[in-house]
Amino acid sequence: MRHTTREIQEALERLGLPRMVTAREVKRRYRELARRYHPDRPGGDAEKMRALQEAYDLLREYMENFRFRFDEEEIARQFPEREHHERFKF
């Protein structure tokens, strides 16, 4: 399923994440919030947990279907540190 940019931005906001984030950071933040809002925990909130789960599922699906570019320009953009760029130079 394709998602709009707005849906992705809203999901990031719901998890309190910036626009540039790794899959590992998304998962870590989801787990942190899930521990806080899970309805089986004291002070949990079923509605917040449902919204959190929807946001996480949307982001996970997007990340799983994301198409990567492995060219020098993209590598330099993602990792502006010189040594990283030189290490993966084609």
PDB file of N, CA and C in Angstrom:
ATOM      1  N   MET A   1       0.837  -1.184   0.000  1.00  0.00           N
ATOM      2  CA  MET A   1       0.000   0.000   0.000  1.00  0.00           C
ATOM      3  C   MET A   1       0.881   1.247   0.000  1.00  0.00           C
ATOM      4  N   ARG A   2       0.532   2.210  -0.792  1.00  0.00           N
ATOM      5  CA  ARG A   2       1.281   3.467  -0.865  1.00  0.00           C
ATOM      6  C   ARG A   2       0.703   4.453   0.136  1.00  0.00           C
ATOM      7  N   HIS A   3       1.587   5.176   0.769  1.00  0.00           N
ATOM      8  CA  HIS A   3       1.171   6.161   1.751  1.00  0.00           C
ATOM      9  C   HIS A   3       1.578   7.554   1.288  1.00  0.00           C
ATOM     10  N   THR A   4       0.802   8.538   1.700  1.00  0.00           N
ATOM     11  CA  THR A   4       1.130   9.909   1.340  1.00  0.00           C
ATOM     12  C   THR A   4       2.254  10.412   2.239  1.00  0.00           C
ATOM     13  N   THR A   5       2.909  11.449   1.778  1.00  0.00           N
ATOM     14  CA  THR A   5       3.957  12.081   2.573  1.00  0.00           C
ATOM     15  C   THR A   5       3.376  12.554   3.894  1.00  0.00           C
ATOM     16  N   ARG A   6       2.177  13.093   3.850  1.00  0.00           N
ATOM     17  CA  ARG A   6       1.531  13.593   5.076  1.00  0.00           C
ATOM     18  C   ARG A   6       1.307  12.455   6.079  1.00  0.00           C
ATOM     19  N   GLU A   7       0.870  11.298   5.623  1.00  0.00           N
ATOM     20  CA  GLU A   7       0.661  10.152   6.515  1.00  0.00           C
ATOM     21  C   GLU A   7       1.966   9.729   7.178  1.00  0.00           C
ATOM     22  N   ILE A   8       3.034   9.731   6.404  1.00  0.00           N
ATOM     23  CA  ILE A   8       4.344   9.351   6.952  1.00  0.00           C
ATOM     24  C   ILE A   8       4.804  10.379   7.976  1.00  0.00           C
ATOM     25  N   GLN A   9       4.632  11.664   7.663  1.00  0.00           N
ATOM     26  CA  GLN A   9       5.009  12.723   8.602  1.00  0.00           C
ATOM     27  C   GLN A   9       4.198  12.629   9.893  1.00  0.00           C
ATOM     28  N   GLU A  10       2.910  12.357   9.771  1.00  0.00           N
ATOM     29  CA  GLU A  10       2.064  12.215  10.961  1.00  0.00           C
ATOM     30  C   GLU A  10       2.500  11.032  11.810  1.00  0.00           C
ATOM     31  N   ALA A  11       2.875   9.935  11.167  1.00  0.00           N
ATOM     32  CA  ALA A  11       3.344   8.761  11.909  1.00  0.00           C
ATOM     33  C   ALA A  11       4.635   9.090  12.659  1.00  0.00           C
ATOM     34  N   LEU A  12       5.538   9.811  12.012  1.00  0.00           N
ATOM     35  CA  LEU A  12       6.779  10.222  12.681  1.00  0.00           C
ATOM     36  C   LEU A  12       6.470  11.127  13.874  1.00  0.00           C
ATOM     37  N   GLU A  13       5.552  12.057  13.690  1.00  0.00           N
ATOM     38  CA  GLU A  13       5.162  12.958  14.772  1.00  0.00           C
ATOM     39  C   GLU A  13       4.543  12.184  15.930  1.00  0.00           C
ATOM     40  N   ARG A  14       3.711  11.216  15.612  1.00  0.00           N
ATOM     41  CA  ARG A  14       3.056  10.423  16.654  1.00  0.00           C
ATOM     42  C   ARG A  14       4.076   9.694  17.515  1.00  0.00           C
ATOM     43  N   LEU A  15       5.175   9.278  16.901  1.00  0.00           N
ATOM     44  CA  LEU A  15       6.235   8.607  17.645  1.00  0.00           C
ATOM     45  C   LEU A  15       7.273   9.593  18.181  1.00  0.00           C
ATOM     46  N   GLY A  16       7.120  10.870  17.854  1.00  0.00           N
ATOM     47  CA  GLY A  16       8.058  11.879  18.329  1.00  0.00           C
ATOM     48  C   GLY A  16       9.424  11.745  17.694  1.00  0.00           C
ATOM     49  N   LEU A  17       9.456  11.436  16.402  1.00  0.00           N
ATOM     50  CA  LEU A  17      10.710  11.209  15.685  1.00  0.00           C
ATOM     51  C   LEU A  17      10.971  12.312  14.663  1.00  0.00           C
ATOM     52  N   PRO A  18      12.246  12.589  14.384  1.00  0.00           N
ATOM     53  CA  PRO A  18      12.575  13.563  13.348  1.00  0.00           C
ATOM     54  C   PRO A  18      12.360  12.969  11.956  1.00  0.00           C
ATOM     55  N   ARG A  19      12.486  13.790  10.938  1.00  0.00           N
ATOM     56  CA  ARG A  19      12.284  13.322   9.559  1.00  0.00           C
ATOM     57  C   ARG A  19      13.399  12.402   9.080  1.00  0.00           C
ATOM     58  N   MET A  20      14.604  12.563   9.585  1.00  0.00           N
ATOM     59  CA  MET A  20      15.733  11.709   9.194  1.00  0.00           C
ATOM     60  C   MET A  20      16.012  10.761  10.347  1.00  0.00           C
ATOM     61  N   VAL A  21      15.702   9.493  10.164  1.00  0.00           N
ATOM     62  CA  VAL A  21      15.779   8.529  11.247  1.00  0.00           C
ATOM     63  C   VAL A  21      16.090   7.148  10.682  1.00  0.00           C
ATOM     64  N   THR A  22      16.740   6.321  11.468  1.00  0.00           N
ATOM     65  CA  THR A  22      17.044   4.960  11.030  1.00  0.00           C
ATOM     66  C   THR A  22      15.925   4.008  11.462  1.00  0.00           C
ATOM     67  N   ALA A  23      15.887   2.846  10.837  1.00  0.00           N
ATOM     68  CA  ALA A  23      14.910   1.821  11.213  1.00  0.00           C
ATOM     69  C   ALA A  23      15.112   1.415  12.675  1.00  0.00           C
ATOM     70  N   ARG A  24      16.356   1.341  13.094  1.00  0.00           N
ATOM     71  CA  ARG A  24      16.664   0.983  14.481  1.00  0.00           C
ATOM     72  C   ARG A  24      16.085   2.013  15.453  1.00  0.00           C
ATOM     73  N   GLU A  25      16.188   3.295  15.109  1.00  0.00           N
ATOM     74  CA  GLU A  25      15.650   4.352  15.970  1.00  0.00           C
ATOM     75  C   GLU A  25      14.130   4.306  16.033  1.00  0.00           C
ATOM     76  N   VAL A  26      13.485   3.983  14.912  1.00  0.00           N
ATOM     77  CA  VAL A  26      12.026   3.863  14.889  1.00  0.00           C
ATOM     78  C   VAL A  26      11.601   2.734  15.828  1.00  0.00           C
ATOM     79  N   LYS A  27      12.258   1.602  15.710  1.00  0.00           N
ATOM     80  CA  LYS A  27      11.919   0.444  16.539  1.00  0.00           C
ATOM     81  C   LYS A  27      12.150   0.736  18.019  1.00  0.00           C
ATOM     82  N   ARG A  28      13.273   1.362  18.331  1.00  0.00           N
ATOM     83  CA  ARG A  28      13.589   1.701  19.735  1.00  0.00           C
ATOM     84  C   ARG A  28      12.532   2.627  20.326  1.00  0.00           C
ATOM     85  N   ARG A  29      12.148   3.654  19.554  1.00  0.00           N
ATOM     86  CA  ARG A  29      11.158   4.606  20.042  1.00  0.00           C
ATOM     87  C   ARG A  29       9.794   3.940  20.199  1.00  0.00           C
ATOM     88  N   TYR A  30       9.426   3.088  19.255  1.00  0.00           N
ATOM     89  CA  TYR A  30       8.155   2.372  19.356  1.00  0.00           C
ATOM     90  C   TYR A  30       8.113   1.537  20.638  1.00  0.00           C
ATOM     91  N   ARG A  31       9.154   0.792  20.896  1.00  0.00           N
ATOM     92  CA  ARG A  31       9.193  -0.056  22.090  1.00  0.00           C
ATOM     93  C   ARG A  31       9.109   0.774  23.368  1.00  0.00           C
ATOM     94  N   GLU A  32       9.797   1.901  23.377  1.00  0.00           N
ATOM     95  CA  GLU A  32       9.763   2.789  24.540  1.00  0.00           C
ATOM     96  C   GLU A  32       8.332   3.281  24.799  1.00  0.00           C
ATOM     97  N   LEU A  33       7.659   3.730  23.752  1.00  0.00           N
ATOM     98  CA  LEU A  33       6.295   4.222  23.913  1.00  0.00           C
ATOM     99  C   LEU A  33       5.301   3.093  24.181  1.00  0.00           C
ATOM    100  N   ALA A  34       5.534   1.932  23.596  1.00  0.00           N
ATOM    101  CA  ALA A  34       4.649   0.789  23.832  1.00  0.00           C
ATOM    102  C   ALA A  34       4.687   0.372  25.304  1.00  0.00           C
ATOM    103  N   ARG A  35       5.871   0.424  25.916  1.00  0.00           N
ATOM    104  CA  ARG A  35       5.958   0.110  27.346  1.00  0.00           C
ATOM    105  C   ARG A  35       5.152   1.116  28.173  1.00  0.00           C
ATOM    106  N   ARG A  36       5.147   2.349  27.731  1.00  0.00           N
ATOM    107  CA  ARG A  36       4.429   3.406  28.461  1.00  0.00           C
ATOM    108  C   ARG A  36       2.918   3.295  28.296  1.00  0.00           C
ATOM    109  N   TYR A  37       2.452   3.010  27.069  1.00  0.00           N
ATOM    110  CA  TYR A  37       1.015   3.089  26.787  1.00  0.00           C
ATOM    111  C   TYR A  37       0.289   1.758  26.691  1.00  0.00           C
ATOM    112  N   HIS A  38       0.983   0.643  26.804  1.00  0.00           N
ATOM    113  CA  HIS A  38       0.307  -0.645  26.668  1.00  0.00           C
ATOM    114  C   HIS A  38      -0.812  -0.745  27.707  1.00  0.00           C
ATOM    115  N   PRO A  39      -2.013  -1.135  27.284  1.00  0.00           N
ATOM    116  CA  PRO A  39      -3.162  -1.156  28.213  1.00  0.00           C
ATOM    117  C   PRO A  39      -3.022  -2.138  29.371  1.00  0.00           C
ATOM    118  N   ASP A  40      -2.134  -3.101  29.282  1.00  0.00           N
ATOM    119  CA  ASP A  40      -1.941  -4.046  30.386  1.00  0.00           C
ATOM    120  C   ASP A  40      -1.036  -3.488  31.480  1.00  0.00           C
ATOM    121  N   ARG A  41      -0.441  -2.338  31.239  1.00  0.00           N
ATOM    122  CA  ARG A  41       0.453  -1.726  32.233  1.00  0.00           C
ATOM    123  C   ARG A  41      -0.303  -0.672  33.030  1.00  0.00           C
ATOM    124  N   PRO A  42       0.116  -0.449  34.253  1.00  0.00           N
ATOM    125  CA  PRO A  42      -0.525   0.612  35.044  1.00  0.00           C
ATOM    126  C   PRO A  42      -0.408   1.953  34.325  1.00  0.00           C
ATOM    127  N   GLY A  43      -1.505   2.657  34.211  1.00  0.00           N
ATOM    128  CA  GLY A  43      -1.522   3.942  33.528  1.00  0.00           C
ATOM    129  C   GLY A  43      -1.525   3.836  32.015  1.00  0.00           C
ATOM    130  N   GLY A  44      -1.677   2.614  31.499  1.00  0.00           N
ATOM    131  CA  GLY A  44      -1.688   2.407  30.052  1.00  0.00           C
ATOM    132  C   GLY A  44      -2.911   3.039  29.409  1.00  0.00           C
ATOM    133  N   ASP A  45      -2.867   3.179  28.115  1.00  0.00           N
ATOM    134  CA  ASP A  45      -3.944   3.834  27.383  1.00  0.00           C
ATOM    135  C   ASP A  45      -4.169   3.087  26.077  1.00  0.00           C
ATOM    136  N   ALA A  46      -5.286   2.374  25.986  1.00  0.00           N
ATOM    137  CA  ALA A  46      -5.568   1.538  24.813  1.00  0.00           C
ATOM    138  C   ALA A  46      -5.654   2.360  23.533  1.00  0.00           C
ATOM    139  N   GLU A  47      -6.258   3.534  23.596  1.00  0.00           N
ATOM    140  CA  GLU A  47      -6.392   4.366  22.398  1.00  0.00           C
ATOM    141  C   GLU A  47      -5.036   4.880  21.920  1.00  0.00           C
ATOM    142  N   LYS A  48      -4.193   5.323  22.844  1.00  0.00           N
ATOM    143  CA  LYS A  48      -2.855   5.770  22.459  1.00  0.00           C
ATOM    144  C   LYS A  48      -2.032   4.614  21.915  1.00  0.00           C
ATOM    145  N   MET A  49      -2.202   3.440  22.492  1.00  0.00           N
ATOM    146  CA  MET A  49      -1.471   2.271  22.016  1.00  0.00           C
ATOM    147  C   MET A  49      -1.910   1.897  20.607  1.00  0.00           C
ATOM    148  N   ARG A  50      -3.217   1.980  20.336  1.00  0.00           N
ATOM    149  CA  ARG A  50      -3.719   1.677  18.997  1.00  0.00           C
ATOM    150  C   ARG A  50      -3.134   2.655  17.973  1.00  0.00           C
ATOM    151  N   ALA A  51      -3.128   3.945  18.300  1.00  0.00           N
ATOM    152  CA  ALA A  51      -2.586   4.962  17.401  1.00  0.00           C
ATOM    153  C   ALA A  51      -1.078   4.759  17.201  1.00  0.00           C
ATOM    154  N   LEU A  52      -0.392   4.409  18.270  1.00  0.00           N
ATOM    155  CA  LEU A  52       1.045   4.142  18.207  1.00  0.00           C
ATOM    156  C   LEU A  52       1.323   2.947  17.298  1.00  0.00           C
ATOM    157  N   GLN A  53       0.543   1.890  17.448  1.00  0.00           N
ATOM    158  CA  GLN A  53       0.720   0.687  16.630  1.00  0.00           C
ATOM    159  C   GLN A  53       0.478   0.993  15.156  1.00  0.00           C
ATOM    160  N   GLU A  54      -0.553   1.774  14.863  1.00  0.00           N
ATOM    161  CA  GLU A  54      -0.839   2.140  13.475  1.00  0.00           C
ATOM    162  C   GLU A  54       0.317   2.936  12.871  1.00  0.00           C
ATOM    163  N   ALA A  55       0.848   3.880  13.630  1.00  0.00           N
ATOM    164  CA  ALA A  55       1.963   4.697  13.146  1.00  0.00           C
ATOM    165  C   ALA A  55       3.191   3.825  12.898  1.00  0.00           C
ATOM    166  N   TYR A  56       3.480   2.951  13.825  1.00  0.00           N
ATOM    167  CA  TYR A  56       4.649   2.069  13.686  1.00  0.00           C
ATOM    168  C   TYR A  56       4.481   1.138  12.484  1.00  0.00           C
ATOM    169  N   ASP A  57       3.307   0.567  12.321  1.00  0.00           N
ATOM    170  CA  ASP A  57       3.060  -0.328  11.179  1.00  0.00           C
ATOM    171  C   ASP A  57       3.243   0.409   9.857  1.00  0.00           C
ATOM    172  N   LEU A  58       2.751   1.636   9.775  1.00  0.00           N
ATOM    173  CA  LEU A  58       2.888   2.422   8.561  1.00  0.00           C
ATOM    174  C   LEU A  58       4.361   2.682   8.261  1.00  0.00           C
ATOM    175  N   LEU A  59       5.122   3.112   9.265  1.00  0.00           N
ATOM    176  CA  LEU A  59       6.541   3.389   9.060  1.00  0.00           C
ATOM    177  C   LEU A  59       7.321   2.127   8.708  1.00  0.00           C
ATOM    178  N   ARG A  60       7.002   1.043   9.375  1.00  0.00           N
ATOM    179  CA  ARG A  60       7.692  -0.218   9.093  1.00  0.00           C
ATOM    180  C   ARG A  60       7.424  -0.662   7.653  1.00  0.00           C
ATOM    181  N   GLU A  61       6.184  -0.566   7.217  1.00  0.00           N
ATOM    182  CA  GLU A  61       5.844  -0.937   5.845  1.00  0.00           C
ATOM    183  C   GLU A  61       6.582  -0.037   4.850  1.00  0.00           C
ATOM    184  N   TYR A  62       6.619   1.249   5.125  1.00  0.00           N
ATOM    185  CA  TYR A  62       7.331   2.176   4.254  1.00  0.00           C
ATOM    186  C   TYR A  62       8.814   1.801   4.177  1.00  0.00           C
ATOM    187  N   MET A  63       9.434   1.548   5.320  1.00  0.00           N
ATOM    188  CA  MET A  63      10.855   1.219   5.339  1.00  0.00           C
ATOM    189  C   MET A  63      11.144  -0.098   4.624  1.00  0.00           C
ATOM    190  N   GLU A  64      10.263  -1.072   4.764  1.00  0.00           N
ATOM    191  CA  GLU A  64      10.470  -2.368   4.118  1.00  0.00           C
ATOM    192  C   GLU A  64      10.378  -2.267   2.600  1.00  0.00           C
ATOM    193  N   ASN A  65       9.620  -1.295   2.095  1.00  0.00           N
ATOM    194  CA  ASN A  65       9.419  -1.157   0.657  1.00  0.00           C
ATOM    195  C   ASN A  65      10.192   0.008   0.050  1.00  0.00           C
ATOM    196  N   PHE A  66      11.007   0.663   0.846  1.00  0.00           N
ATOM    197  CA  PHE A  66      11.787   1.801   0.378  1.00  0.00           C
ATOM    198  C   PHE A  66      12.834   1.334  -0.619  1.00  0.00           C
ATOM    199  N   ARG A  67      12.985   2.093  -1.691  1.00  0.00           N
ATOM    200  CA  ARG A  67      13.990   1.753  -2.705  1.00  0.00           C
ATOM    201  C   ARG A  67      15.236   2.588  -2.440  1.00  0.00           C
ATOM    202  N   PHE A  68      16.359   1.920  -2.279  1.00  0.00           N
ATOM    203  CA  PHE A  68      17.619   2.574  -1.951  1.00  0.00           C
ATOM    204  C   PHE A  68      18.401   2.918  -3.214  1.00  0.00           C
ATOM    205  N   ARG A  69      19.123   4.024  -3.136  1.00  0.00           N
ATOM    206  CA  ARG A  69      20.059   4.422  -4.187  1.00  0.00           C
ATOM    207  C   ARG A  69      21.464   4.213  -3.649  1.00  0.00           C
ATOM    208  N   PHE A  70      22.268   3.492  -4.387  1.00  0.00           N
ATOM    209  CA  PHE A  70      23.645   3.227  -3.969  1.00  0.00           C
ATOM    210  C   PHE A  70      24.626   3.864  -4.941  1.00  0.00           C
ATOM    211  N   ASP A  71      24.489   5.179  -5.121  1.00  0.00           N
ATOM    212  CA  ASP A  71      25.455   5.875  -5.947  1.00  0.00           C
ATOM    213  C   ASP A  71      26.247   6.850  -5.079  1.00  0.00           C
ATOM    214  N   GLU A  72      27.344   7.362  -5.624  1.00  0.00           N
ATOM    215  CA  GLU A  72      28.230   8.222  -4.835  1.00  0.00           C
ATOM    216  C   GLU A  72      27.518   9.445  -4.290  1.00  0.00           C
ATOM    217  N   GLU A  73      26.667  10.046  -5.087  1.00  0.00           N
ATOM    218  CA  GLU A  73      25.958  11.252  -4.663  1.00  0.00           C
ATOM    219  C   GLU A  73      25.084  10.977  -3.430  1.00  0.00           C
ATOM    220  N   GLU A  74      24.361   9.893  -3.463  1.00  0.00           N
ATOM    221  CA  GLU A  74      23.479   9.566  -2.338  1.00  0.00           C
ATOM    222  C   GLU A  74      24.281   9.202  -1.094  1.00  0.00           C
ATOM    223  N   ILE A  75      25.343   8.463  -1.263  1.00  0.00           N
ATOM    224  CA  ILE A  75      26.185   8.095  -0.125  1.00  0.00           C
ATOM    225  C   ILE A  75      26.781   9.346   0.510  1.00  0.00           C
ATOM    226  N   ALA A  76      27.251  10.280  -0.314  1.00  0.00           N
ATOM    227  CA  ALA A  76      27.818  11.529   0.210  1.00  0.00           C
ATOM    228  C   ALA A  76      26.754  12.355   0.924  1.00  0.00           C
ATOM    229  N   ARG A  77      25.523  12.327   0.425  1.00  0.00           N
ATOM    230  CA  ARG A  77      24.431  13.080   1.058  1.00  0.00           C
ATOM    231  C   ARG A  77      24.062  12.474   2.411  1.00  0.00           C
ATOM    232  N   GLN A  78      23.998  11.164   2.462  1.00  0.00           N
ATOM    233  CA  GLN A  78      23.616  10.477   3.696  1.00  0.00           C
ATOM    234  C   GLN A  78      24.719  10.514   4.751  1.00  0.00           C
ATOM    235  N   PHE A  79      25.963  10.456   4.297  1.00  0.00           N
ATOM    236  CA  PHE A  79      27.103  10.395   5.206  1.00  0.00           C
ATOM    237  C   PHE A  79      28.133  11.444   4.789  1.00  0.00           C
ATOM    238  N   PRO A  80      27.943  12.693   5.202  1.00  0.00           N
ATOM    239  CA  PRO A  80      28.833  13.761   4.738  1.00  0.00           C
ATOM    240  C   PRO A  80      30.272  13.666   5.271  1.00  0.00           C
ATOM    241  N   GLU A  81      30.523  12.785   6.239  1.00  0.00           N
ATOM    242  CA  GLU A  81      31.882  12.630   6.750  1.00  0.00           C
ATOM    243  C   GLU A  81      32.775  12.094   5.633  1.00  0.00           C
ATOM    244  N   ARG A  82      33.889  12.731   5.404  1.00  0.00           N
ATOM    245  CA  ARG A  82      34.775  12.391   4.281  1.00  0.00           C
ATOM    246  C   ARG A  82      35.223  10.933   4.315  1.00  0.00           C
ATOM    247  N   GLU A  83      35.632  10.444   5.473  1.00  0.00           N
ATOM    248  CA  GLU A  83      36.165   9.083   5.512  1.00  0.00           C
ATOM    249  C   GLU A  83      35.117   8.047   5.129  1.00  0.00           C
ATOM    250  N   HIS A  84      33.863   8.308   5.457  1.00  0.00           N
ATOM    251  CA  HIS A  84      32.815   7.361   5.095  1.00  0.00           C
ATOM    252  C   HIS A  84      32.611   7.371   3.577  1.00  0.00           C
ATOM    253  N   HIS A  85      32.601   8.558   3.001  1.00  0.00           N
ATOM    254  CA  HIS A  85      32.427   8.686   1.555  1.00  0.00           C
ATOM    255  C   HIS A  85      33.581   7.989   0.811  1.00  0.00           C
ATOM    256  N   GLU A  86      34.787   8.202   1.287  1.00  0.00           N
ATOM    257  CA  GLU A  86      35.941   7.580   0.651  1.00  0.00           C
ATOM    258  C   GLU A  86      35.929   6.062   0.809  1.00  0.00           C
ATOM    259  N   ARG A  87      35.445   5.604   1.915  1.00  0.00           N
ATOM    260  CA  ARG A  87      35.404   4.158   2.174  1.00  0.00           C
ATOM    261  C   ARG A  87      34.485   3.434   1.202  1.00  0.00           C
ATOM    262  N   PHE A  88      33.388   4.086   0.826  1.00  0.00           N
ATOM    263  CA  PHE A  88      32.401   3.456  -0.061  1.00  0.00           C
ATOM    264  C   PHE A  88      32.423   4.029  -1.465  1.00  0.00           C
ATOM    265  N   LYS A  89      33.521   4.627  -1.863  1.00  0.00           N
ATOM    266  CA  LYS A  89      33.638   5.213  -3.193  1.00  0.00           C
ATOM    267  C   LYS A  89      33.634   4.108  -4.244  1.00  0.00           C
ATOM    268  N   PHE A  90      32.952   4.357  -5.328  1.00  0.00           N
ATOM    269  CA  PHE A  90      32.852   3.372  -6.418  1.00  0.00           C
ATOM    270  C   PHE A  90      34.012   3.504  -7.366  1.00  0.00           C
TER     271      PHE A  90
END
